[in-house]
Amino acid sequence: MAASAQSPRTEAPNAPYPPFQIAEGLFYVGASDYASYLIVTKAGLIVIDGGDKPTGQQVVANIRTLGFDPAQVKILLNSHQHFDHAAGLAEIKKVAPGAKLHASAKDGPVIEAGGKGDPFLKDPRFFYEPVKVDRVLKDKDKVTLGGWTLTANLTPGHTAGCTTWTFPVKSREGARLVTRQALVHCSNSVLPGYRLVGDETYPGQREDYERSYRFWRTAPCEIFLASHGQFFRMKEKRAMPAGNGNPWVDPQGCRAYFERAYEGFKAEVAKQEAAAR
């Protein structure tokens, strides 16, 4: 979930959006802002995030539009347990009942409870259809399928089990096929109402954000992706001409995003500290 004040929207974040290719075997299959990614391997399909329920239905349709069979989804991955990234997982499971969900130890129980147990989003409108977690992930655990290897990097703060995914991918750049490091960012948003000083939204949340920023600001990040399209300027990059490069290769934009975000995080902490005095 992104902070509502972070970026003005002119359309619903789960509005239909056409799928497109990012790199070799890597596709965007999400909505206008709620992101979802498809990885096509030799042994089946991997999906990262399901969006909310309508987005989950779009993910299934978008996989078909690309010419793949959603029943071949073998692995479901999640960035975090908020409804706008986890509610659609059940929709994917309906067409791919054999798909195995991998989720972090702290976010997994919330997904299995359909959104219940979140320390902040306690309103029933944020609840969703539960999905069983088949594998509990620790920091730096690897997920492998059909020649692909993805690393689960625990980056808590936005949620206690927020997970940023990293993996190498081949990028078509003119006549060259270049190996790039992709990073699918969980979320760094401080939602309106999050308490980072004193009685924190959950114990240790502020330090969790600090540790996560230490990772985000130094991690290899050439193809910058995220749980929300707005985070990585999806629509702007989609409109860029490919030329001899790949517009999704943007290490400078990735680094600048996290530097700006960290300054904003420190300013929010300072604001809350001042209000507490």
C-alpha atoms as a PDB file:
ATOM      1  CA  MET A   1       0.000   0.000   0.000  1.00  0.00           C
ATOM      2  CA  ALA A   2       1.332   3.419  -0.958  1.00  0.00           C
ATOM      3  CA  ALA A   3       0.638   6.556   1.023  1.00  0.00           C
ATOM      4  CA  SER A   4      -2.359   8.219  -0.603  1.00  0.00           C
ATOM      5  CA  ALA A   5      -0.682  11.597  -0.491  1.00  0.00           C
ATOM      6  CA  GLN A   6       2.478  10.350  -2.195  1.00  0.00           C
ATOM      7  CA  SER A   7       1.256  10.783  -5.750  1.00  0.00           C
ATOM      8  CA  PRO A   8      -2.003  12.202  -7.109  1.00  0.00           C
ATOM      9  CA  ARG A   9      -3.883   9.700  -9.255  1.00  0.00           C
ATOM     10  CA  THR A  10      -6.158  10.363 -12.191  1.00  0.00           C
ATOM     11  CA  GLU A  11      -7.438   6.786 -12.362  1.00  0.00           C
ATOM     12  CA  ALA A  12      -8.106   3.921 -10.000  1.00  0.00           C
ATOM     13  CA  PRO A  13      -4.915   2.102  -8.947  1.00  0.00           C
ATOM     14  CA  ASN A  14      -6.498  -1.202 -10.005  1.00  0.00           C
ATOM     15  CA  ALA A  15      -7.680   0.015 -13.420  1.00  0.00           C
ATOM     16  CA  PRO A  16      -6.948  -2.446 -16.252  1.00  0.00           C
ATOM     17  CA  TYR A  17      -3.540  -2.038 -17.861  1.00  0.00           C
ATOM     18  CA  PRO A  18      -2.083  -3.903 -20.851  1.00  0.00           C
ATOM     19  CA  PRO A  19       0.706  -6.371 -20.051  1.00  0.00           C
ATOM     20  CA  PHE A  20       4.157  -5.780 -21.484  1.00  0.00           C
ATOM     21  CA  GLN A  21       7.659  -7.217 -21.552  1.00  0.00           C
ATOM     22  CA  ILE A  22      10.400  -5.776 -19.336  1.00  0.00           C
ATOM     23  CA  ALA A  23      13.242  -8.159 -20.119  1.00  0.00           C
ATOM     24  CA  GLU A  24      13.774 -11.712 -21.369  1.00  0.00           C
ATOM     25  CA  GLY A  25      11.180 -13.865 -19.618  1.00  0.00           C
ATOM     26  CA  LEU A  26      10.045 -10.994 -17.364  1.00  0.00           C
ATOM     27  CA  PHE A  27       6.669  -9.298 -17.900  1.00  0.00           C
ATOM     28  CA  TYR A  28       4.420  -6.764 -16.197  1.00  0.00           C
ATOM     29  CA  VAL A  29       0.944  -8.248 -15.689  1.00  0.00           C
ATOM     30  CA  GLY A  30      -0.516  -5.914 -13.065  1.00  0.00           C
ATOM     31  CA  ALA A  31      -2.976  -3.031 -13.051  1.00  0.00           C
ATOM     32  CA  SER A  32      -2.492   0.706 -13.576  1.00  0.00           C
ATOM     33  CA  ASP A  33      -0.640   1.013 -10.249  1.00  0.00           C
ATOM     34  CA  TYR A  34      -1.024  -2.219  -8.256  1.00  0.00           C
ATOM     35  CA  ALA A  35       1.917  -4.107  -9.720  1.00  0.00           C
ATOM     36  CA  SER A  36       2.353  -7.783 -10.541  1.00  0.00           C
ATOM     37  CA  TYR A  37       5.132  -9.527 -12.415  1.00  0.00           C
ATOM     38  CA  LEU A  38       5.303 -12.720 -14.446  1.00  0.00           C
ATOM     39  CA  ILE A  39       8.483 -14.744 -14.849  1.00  0.00           C
ATOM     40  CA  VAL A  40       8.450 -17.411 -17.553  1.00  0.00           C
ATOM     41  CA  THR A  41      10.781 -20.310 -16.808  1.00  0.00           C
ATOM     42  CA  LYS A  42      11.485 -23.660 -18.454  1.00  0.00           C
ATOM     43  CA  ALA A  43       9.575 -25.380 -15.636  1.00  0.00           C
ATOM     44  CA  GLY A  44       6.528 -23.131 -15.309  1.00  0.00           C
ATOM     45  CA  LEU A  45       5.517 -19.635 -14.291  1.00  0.00           C
ATOM     46  CA  ILE A  46       6.331 -17.451 -11.279  1.00  0.00           C
ATOM     47  CA  VAL A  47       4.077 -14.547 -10.250  1.00  0.00           C
ATOM     48  CA  ILE A  48       5.190 -11.799  -7.879  1.00  0.00           C
ATOM     49  CA  ASP A  49       2.188 -10.133  -6.155  1.00  0.00           C
ATOM     50  CA  GLY A  50      -1.484 -10.403  -6.968  1.00  0.00           C
ATOM     51  CA  GLY A  51      -2.744  -6.875  -6.314  1.00  0.00           C
ATOM     52  CA  ASP A  52      -6.233  -6.555  -4.867  1.00  0.00           C
ATOM     53  CA  LYS A  53      -9.030  -8.925  -5.918  1.00  0.00           C
ATOM     54  CA  PRO A  54      -9.876  -7.184  -9.233  1.00  0.00           C
ATOM     55  CA  THR A  55      -6.171  -6.919 -10.036  1.00  0.00           C
ATOM     56  CA  GLY A  56      -5.755 -10.639  -9.357  1.00  0.00           C
ATOM     57  CA  GLN A  57      -8.399 -11.313 -11.975  1.00  0.00           C
ATOM     58  CA  GLN A  58      -6.560  -8.987 -14.366  1.00  0.00           C
ATOM     59  CA  VAL A  59      -3.291 -10.810 -13.698  1.00  0.00           C
ATOM     60  CA  VAL A  60      -4.882 -14.057 -14.856  1.00  0.00           C
ATOM     61  CA  ALA A  61      -6.299 -12.354 -17.967  1.00  0.00           C
ATOM     62  CA  ASN A  62      -3.003 -10.598 -18.705  1.00  0.00           C
ATOM     63  CA  ILE A  63      -1.072 -13.860 -18.522  1.00  0.00           C
ATOM     64  CA  ARG A  64      -3.455 -15.273 -21.123  1.00  0.00           C
ATOM     65  CA  THR A  65      -3.120 -12.146 -23.262  1.00  0.00           C
ATOM     66  CA  LEU A  66       0.634 -12.717 -23.382  1.00  0.00           C
ATOM     67  CA  GLY A  67       0.007 -16.233 -24.667  1.00  0.00           C
ATOM     68  CA  PHE A  68       0.804 -18.179 -21.497  1.00  0.00           C
ATOM     69  CA  ASP A  69      -1.397 -20.528 -19.486  1.00  0.00           C
ATOM     70  CA  PRO A  70      -2.086 -19.215 -15.944  1.00  0.00           C
ATOM     71  CA  ALA A  71      -2.674 -22.799 -14.834  1.00  0.00           C
ATOM     72  CA  GLN A  72       1.101 -23.214 -15.236  1.00  0.00           C
ATOM     73  CA  VAL A  73       1.846 -20.826 -12.364  1.00  0.00           C
ATOM     74  CA  LYS A  74       4.010 -22.929 -10.049  1.00  0.00           C
ATOM     75  CA  ILE A  75       5.187 -20.311  -7.547  1.00  0.00           C
ATOM     76  CA  LEU A  76       3.468 -17.281  -6.020  1.00  0.00           C
ATOM     77  CA  LEU A  77       5.624 -14.659  -4.329  1.00  0.00           C
ATOM     78  CA  ASN A  78       4.542 -11.654  -2.302  1.00  0.00           C
ATOM     79  CA  SER A  79       6.057  -8.276  -1.505  1.00  0.00           C
ATOM     80  CA  HIS A  80       3.833  -7.678   1.522  1.00  0.00           C
ATOM     81  CA  GLN A  81       0.544  -8.667   3.065  1.00  0.00           C
ATOM     82  CA  HIS A  82      -1.550  -5.517   2.506  1.00  0.00           C
ATOM     83  CA  PHE A  83      -4.765  -6.103   0.560  1.00  0.00           C
ATOM     84  CA  ASP A  84      -3.552  -4.256  -2.546  1.00  0.00           C
ATOM     85  CA  HIS A  85      -0.782  -6.826  -3.031  1.00  0.00           C
ATOM     86  CA  ALA A  86      -2.119 -10.000  -1.424  1.00  0.00           C
ATOM     87  CA  ALA A  87      -5.888 -10.084  -2.010  1.00  0.00           C
ATOM     88  CA  GLY A  88      -5.414 -11.108  -5.646  1.00  0.00           C
ATOM     89  CA  LEU A  89      -3.348 -14.170  -4.758  1.00  0.00           C
ATOM     90  CA  ALA A  90      -6.539 -16.165  -4.137  1.00  0.00           C
ATOM     91  CA  GLU A  91      -7.750 -15.286  -7.652  1.00  0.00           C
ATOM     92  CA  ILE A  92      -4.573 -16.724  -9.152  1.00  0.00           C
ATOM     93  CA  LYS A  93      -4.834 -19.843  -6.991  1.00  0.00           C
ATOM     94  CA  LYS A  94      -8.309 -20.481  -8.395  1.00  0.00           C
ATOM     95  CA  VAL A  95      -6.847 -21.123 -11.852  1.00  0.00           C
ATOM     96  CA  ALA A  96      -3.528 -22.509 -10.583  1.00  0.00           C
ATOM     97  CA  PRO A  97      -4.467 -24.527  -7.483  1.00  0.00           C
ATOM     98  CA  GLY A  98      -1.089 -26.244  -7.467  1.00  0.00           C
ATOM     99  CA  ALA A  99       0.847 -22.973  -7.174  1.00  0.00           C
ATOM    100  CA  LYS A 100       2.925 -22.760  -3.993  1.00  0.00           C
ATOM    101  CA  LEU A 101       2.899 -19.482  -2.055  1.00  0.00           C
ATOM    102  CA  HIS A 102       6.196 -18.346  -0.526  1.00  0.00           C
ATOM    103  CA  ALA A 103       5.943 -15.567   2.067  1.00  0.00           C
ATOM    104  CA  SER A 104       7.929 -14.132   4.967  1.00  0.00           C
ATOM    105  CA  ALA A 105       7.492 -15.373   8.533  1.00  0.00           C
ATOM    106  CA  LYS A 106       5.887 -12.131   9.735  1.00  0.00           C
ATOM    107  CA  ASP A 107       3.640 -11.379   6.751  1.00  0.00           C
ATOM    108  CA  GLY A 108       2.655 -14.961   5.971  1.00  0.00           C
ATOM    109  CA  PRO A 109       0.305 -15.389   8.975  1.00  0.00           C
ATOM    110  CA  VAL A 110      -1.575 -12.227   7.985  1.00  0.00           C
ATOM    111  CA  ILE A 111      -2.045 -13.559   4.438  1.00  0.00           C
ATOM    112  CA  GLU A 112      -3.278 -16.863   5.869  1.00  0.00           C
ATOM    113  CA  ALA A 113      -5.725 -14.870   8.013  1.00  0.00           C
ATOM    114  CA  GLY A 114      -6.963 -12.824   5.055  1.00  0.00           C
ATOM    115  CA  GLY A 115      -5.528  -9.523   6.247  1.00  0.00           C
ATOM    116  CA  LYS A 116      -6.509  -9.938   9.880  1.00  0.00           C
ATOM    117  CA  GLY A 117      -3.742  -9.295  12.373  1.00  0.00           C
ATOM    118  CA  ASP A 118      -2.209  -6.296  10.648  1.00  0.00           C
ATOM    119  CA  PRO A 119      -1.257  -3.805  13.399  1.00  0.00           C
ATOM    120  CA  PHE A 120      -2.622  -0.830  11.431  1.00  0.00           C
ATOM    121  CA  LEU A 121      -5.181  -1.881   8.795  1.00  0.00           C
ATOM    122  CA  LYS A 122      -7.807  -3.238  11.172  1.00  0.00           C
ATOM    123  CA  ASP A 123     -10.915  -2.200   9.243  1.00  0.00           C
ATOM    124  CA  PRO A 124     -12.735  -5.190   7.673  1.00  0.00           C
ATOM    125  CA  ARG A 125     -12.703  -3.441   4.298  1.00  0.00           C
ATOM    126  CA  PHE A 126      -8.996  -4.317   4.155  1.00  0.00           C
ATOM    127  CA  PHE A 127      -9.625  -8.031   4.713  1.00  0.00           C
ATOM    128  CA  TYR A 128      -9.502 -10.566   1.873  1.00  0.00           C
ATOM    129  CA  GLU A 129      -9.719 -14.239   0.981  1.00  0.00           C
ATOM    130  CA  PRO A 130      -6.996 -16.146   2.855  1.00  0.00           C
ATOM    131  CA  VAL A 131      -4.310 -18.139   1.072  1.00  0.00           C
ATOM    132  CA  LYS A 132      -2.215 -20.871   2.670  1.00  0.00           C
ATOM    133  CA  VAL A 133       1.532 -20.246   2.812  1.00  0.00           C
ATOM    134  CA  ASP A 134       3.489 -23.255   1.561  1.00  0.00           C
ATOM    135  CA  ARG A 135       6.979 -22.008   2.368  1.00  0.00           C
ATOM    136  CA  VAL A 136       8.054 -19.561   5.072  1.00  0.00           C
ATOM    137  CA  LEU A 137      10.945 -17.387   3.940  1.00  0.00           C
ATOM    138  CA  LYS A 138      13.914 -16.107   5.895  1.00  0.00           C
ATOM    139  CA  ASP A 139      16.174 -13.252   4.849  1.00  0.00           C
ATOM    140  CA  LYS A 140      18.310 -14.157   1.799  1.00  0.00           C
ATOM    141  CA  ASP A 141      16.390 -17.374   1.098  1.00  0.00           C
ATOM    142  CA  LYS A 142      16.493 -18.414  -2.555  1.00  0.00           C
ATOM    143  CA  VAL A 143      13.528 -19.386  -4.708  1.00  0.00           C
ATOM    144  CA  THR A 144      14.449 -21.396  -7.791  1.00  0.00           C
ATOM    145  CA  LEU A 145      12.489 -22.677 -10.772  1.00  0.00           C
ATOM    146  CA  GLY A 146      13.447 -23.577 -14.331  1.00  0.00           C
ATOM    147  CA  GLY A 147      16.829 -21.872 -14.373  1.00  0.00           C
ATOM    148  CA  TRP A 148      15.754 -18.756 -12.444  1.00  0.00           C
ATOM    149  CA  THR A 149      16.902 -17.865  -8.922  1.00  0.00           C
ATOM    150  CA  LEU A 150      15.275 -15.090  -6.903  1.00  0.00           C
ATOM    151  CA  THR A 151      16.469 -13.832  -3.515  1.00  0.00           C
ATOM    152  CA  ALA A 152      14.076 -12.801  -0.751  1.00  0.00           C
ATOM    153  CA  ASN A 153      15.472  -9.738   1.014  1.00  0.00           C
ATOM    154  CA  LEU A 154      13.521  -8.924   4.169  1.00  0.00           C
ATOM    155  CA  THR A 155      13.027  -5.152   4.240  1.00  0.00           C
ATOM    156  CA  PRO A 156      10.522  -4.528   7.048  1.00  0.00           C
ATOM    157  CA  GLY A 157       9.024  -1.202   8.024  1.00  0.00           C
ATOM    158  CA  HIS A 158       6.012  -0.734   5.799  1.00  0.00           C
ATOM    159  CA  THR A 159       4.994  -4.147   7.124  1.00  0.00           C
ATOM    160  CA  ALA A 160       6.887  -6.342   9.559  1.00  0.00           C
ATOM    161  CA  GLY A 161       7.658  -8.884   6.839  1.00  0.00           C
ATOM    162  CA  CYS A 162       8.005  -6.673   3.768  1.00  0.00           C
ATOM    163  CA  THR A 163      10.119  -8.495   1.168  1.00  0.00           C
ATOM    164  CA  THR A 164      12.168  -6.972  -1.650  1.00  0.00           C
ATOM    165  CA  TRP A 165      12.962  -9.445  -4.424  1.00  0.00           C
ATOM    166  CA  THR A 166      16.231  -9.406  -6.388  1.00  0.00           C
ATOM    167  CA  PHE A 167      17.343 -11.565  -9.298  1.00  0.00           C
ATOM    168  CA  PRO A 168      19.481 -11.495 -12.445  1.00  0.00           C
ATOM    169  CA  VAL A 169      17.678 -11.184 -15.760  1.00  0.00           C
ATOM    170  CA  LYS A 170      18.700 -10.909 -19.415  1.00  0.00           C
ATOM    171  CA  SER A 171      17.987  -7.497 -20.950  1.00  0.00           C
ATOM    172  CA  ARG A 172      17.742  -6.996 -24.718  1.00  0.00           C
ATOM    173  CA  GLU A 173      19.681  -3.794 -25.505  1.00  0.00           C
ATOM    174  CA  GLY A 174      20.006  -3.287 -29.226  1.00  0.00           C
ATOM    175  CA  ALA A 175      21.850  -6.320 -30.590  1.00  0.00           C
ATOM    176  CA  ARG A 176      23.191  -7.240 -27.157  1.00  0.00           C
ATOM    177  CA  LEU A 177      21.716  -9.475 -24.467  1.00  0.00           C
ATOM    178  CA  VAL A 178      23.021  -8.121 -21.164  1.00  0.00           C
ATOM    179  CA  THR A 179      22.662  -9.633 -17.698  1.00  0.00           C
ATOM    180  CA  ARG A 180      21.128  -7.049 -15.368  1.00  0.00           C
ATOM    181  CA  GLN A 181      20.181  -7.110 -11.700  1.00  0.00           C
ATOM    182  CA  ALA A 182      16.467  -6.587 -11.153  1.00  0.00           C
ATOM    183  CA  LEU A 183      15.039  -5.328  -7.882  1.00  0.00           C
ATOM    184  CA  VAL A 184      11.309  -5.525  -7.076  1.00  0.00           C
ATOM    185  CA  HIS A 185      10.909  -3.076  -4.217  1.00  0.00           C
ATOM    186  CA  CYS A 186       8.446  -3.954  -1.471  1.00  0.00           C
ATOM    187  CA  SER A 187       7.464  -0.499  -0.161  1.00  0.00           C
ATOM    188  CA  ASN A 188       9.056   2.256   1.884  1.00  0.00           C
ATOM    189  CA  SER A 189       5.831   4.230   2.399  1.00  0.00           C
ATOM    190  CA  VAL A 190       5.060   5.605   5.836  1.00  0.00           C
ATOM    191  CA  LEU A 191       1.275   5.456   5.800  1.00  0.00           C
ATOM    192  CA  PRO A 192      -0.602   8.412   7.303  1.00  0.00           C
ATOM    193  CA  GLY A 193      -1.078   7.418  10.924  1.00  0.00           C
ATOM    194  CA  TYR A 194       2.018   5.241  11.255  1.00  0.00           C
ATOM    195  CA  ARG A 195       3.719   5.990  14.576  1.00  0.00           C
ATOM    196  CA  LEU A 196       7.517   5.930  14.417  1.00  0.00           C
ATOM    197  CA  VAL A 197       8.194   7.633  17.759  1.00  0.00           C
ATOM    198  CA  GLY A 198       7.152   6.396  21.203  1.00  0.00           C
ATOM    199  CA  ASP A 199       4.341   3.893  20.864  1.00  0.00           C
ATOM    200  CA  GLU A 200       5.276   2.626  17.417  1.00  0.00           C
ATOM    201  CA  THR A 201       2.730   1.054  15.078  1.00  0.00           C
ATOM    202  CA  TYR A 202       4.529  -2.192  15.818  1.00  0.00           C
ATOM    203  CA  PRO A 203       7.552  -2.580  18.129  1.00  0.00           C
ATOM    204  CA  GLY A 204      10.803  -1.791  16.335  1.00  0.00           C
ATOM    205  CA  GLN A 205       9.191  -0.323  13.239  1.00  0.00           C
ATOM    206  CA  ARG A 206      11.434   2.742  13.051  1.00  0.00           C
ATOM    207  CA  GLU A 207      14.643   0.702  13.289  1.00  0.00           C
ATOM    208  CA  ASP A 208      13.220  -1.728  10.744  1.00  0.00           C
ATOM    209  CA  TYR A 209      12.870   1.132   8.276  1.00  0.00           C
ATOM    210  CA  GLU A 210      16.455   2.211   9.001  1.00  0.00           C
ATOM    211  CA  ARG A 211      17.825  -1.285   8.368  1.00  0.00           C
ATOM    212  CA  SER A 212      15.791  -1.598   5.196  1.00  0.00           C
ATOM    213  CA  TYR A 213      17.072   1.706   3.864  1.00  0.00           C
ATOM    214  CA  ARG A 214      20.621   0.497   4.471  1.00  0.00           C
ATOM    215  CA  PHE A 215      19.845  -2.379   2.112  1.00  0.00           C
ATOM    216  CA  TRP A 216      17.856  -0.402  -0.458  1.00  0.00           C
ATOM    217  CA  ARG A 217      20.470   2.347  -0.752  1.00  0.00           C
ATOM    218  CA  THR A 218      23.303  -0.098  -1.474  1.00  0.00           C
ATOM    219  CA  ALA A 219      21.709  -3.100  -3.202  1.00  0.00           C
ATOM    220  CA  PRO A 220      22.508  -3.703  -6.891  1.00  0.00           C
ATOM    221  CA  CYS A 221      19.553  -2.269  -8.784  1.00  0.00           C
ATOM    222  CA  GLU A 222      19.711  -1.911 -12.544  1.00  0.00           C
ATOM    223  CA  ILE A 223      16.126  -2.784 -13.457  1.00  0.00           C
ATOM    224  CA  PHE A 224      14.088  -0.974 -10.828  1.00  0.00           C
ATOM    225  CA  LEU A 225      10.581  -2.366 -10.245  1.00  0.00           C
ATOM    226  CA  ALA A 226       8.232  -2.173  -7.281  1.00  0.00           C
ATOM    227  CA  SER A 227       4.906  -3.121  -5.755  1.00  0.00           C
ATOM    228  CA  HIS A 228       3.372   0.108  -7.112  1.00  0.00           C
ATOM    229  CA  GLY A 229       3.926   1.401 -10.614  1.00  0.00           C
ATOM    230  CA  GLN A 230       4.181   4.966  -9.352  1.00  0.00           C
ATOM    231  CA  PHE A 231       7.329   4.093  -7.369  1.00  0.00           C
ATOM    232  CA  PHE A 232       9.402   3.391 -10.488  1.00  0.00           C
ATOM    233  CA  ARG A 233       7.621   5.735 -12.938  1.00  0.00           C
ATOM    234  CA  MET A 234       6.109   2.829 -14.810  1.00  0.00           C
ATOM    235  CA  LYS A 235       3.877   4.780 -17.174  1.00  0.00           C
ATOM    236  CA  GLU A 236       6.577   7.309 -18.045  1.00  0.00           C
ATOM    237  CA  LYS A 237       9.107   4.600 -18.826  1.00  0.00           C
ATOM    238  CA  ARG A 238       6.539   2.629 -20.797  1.00  0.00           C
ATOM    239  CA  ALA A 239       6.140   5.647 -23.081  1.00  0.00           C
ATOM    240  CA  MET A 240       9.885   5.987 -23.703  1.00  0.00           C
ATOM    241  CA  PRO A 241      11.275   4.849 -27.067  1.00  0.00           C
ATOM    242  CA  ALA A 242      13.428   1.751 -26.689  1.00  0.00           C
ATOM    243  CA  GLY A 243      16.147   2.953 -29.049  1.00  0.00           C
ATOM    244  CA  ASN A 244      19.258   0.829 -28.631  1.00  0.00           C
ATOM    245  CA  GLY A 245      18.732   0.397 -24.921  1.00  0.00           C
ATOM    246  CA  ASN A 246      16.091  -0.842 -22.528  1.00  0.00           C
ATOM    247  CA  PRO A 247      14.131   1.950 -20.789  1.00  0.00           C
ATOM    248  CA  TRP A 248      13.653  -0.312 -17.776  1.00  0.00           C
ATOM    249  CA  VAL A 249      17.395  -0.256 -17.085  1.00  0.00           C
ATOM    250  CA  ASP A 250      17.620   2.698 -14.696  1.00  0.00           C
ATOM    251  CA  PRO A 251      20.223   2.322 -11.923  1.00  0.00           C
ATOM    252  CA  GLN A 252      20.465   6.092 -11.448  1.00  0.00           C
ATOM    253  CA  GLY A 253      16.702   6.400 -11.043  1.00  0.00           C
ATOM    254  CA  CYS A 254      16.687   3.567  -8.541  1.00  0.00           C
ATOM    255  CA  ARG A 255      19.414   5.138  -6.425  1.00  0.00           C
ATOM    256  CA  ALA A 256      17.835   8.598  -6.606  1.00  0.00           C
ATOM    257  CA  TYR A 257      14.456   7.193  -5.560  1.00  0.00           C
ATOM    258  CA  PHE A 258      15.835   5.677  -2.374  1.00  0.00           C
ATOM    259  CA  GLU A 259      17.948   8.718  -1.510  1.00  0.00           C
ATOM    260  CA  ARG A 260      14.909  11.010  -1.821  1.00  0.00           C
ATOM    261  CA  ALA A 261      12.759   8.553   0.087  1.00  0.00           C
ATOM    262  CA  TYR A 262      15.265   8.295   2.920  1.00  0.00           C
ATOM    263  CA  GLU A 263      15.353  12.073   3.300  1.00  0.00           C
ATOM    264  CA  GLY A 264      11.563  12.042   3.455  1.00  0.00           C
ATOM    265  CA  PHE A 265      11.629   9.284   6.070  1.00  0.00           C
ATOM    266  CA  LYS A 266      14.063  11.233   8.268  1.00  0.00           C
ATOM    267  CA  ALA A 267      11.898  14.340   7.939  1.00  0.00           C
ATOM    268  CA  GLU A 268       8.823  12.360   9.056  1.00  0.00           C
ATOM    269  CA  VAL A 269      10.694  11.001  12.081  1.00  0.00           C
ATOM    270  CA  ALA A 270      11.846  14.533  12.988  1.00  0.00           C
ATOM    271  CA  LYS A 271       8.269  15.800  12.651  1.00  0.00           C
ATOM    272  CA  GLN A 272       6.950  13.078  14.947  1.00  0.00           C
ATOM    273  CA  GLU A 273       9.761  13.671  17.459  1.00  0.00           C
ATOM    274  CA  ALA A 274       8.946  17.376  17.548  1.00  0.00           C
ATOM    275  CA  ALA A 275       5.259  16.624  18.076  1.00  0.00           C
ATOM    276  CA  ALA A 276       6.120  14.273  20.939  1.00  0.00           C
ATOM    277  CA  ARG A 277       8.133  16.873  22.833  1.00  0.00           C
END
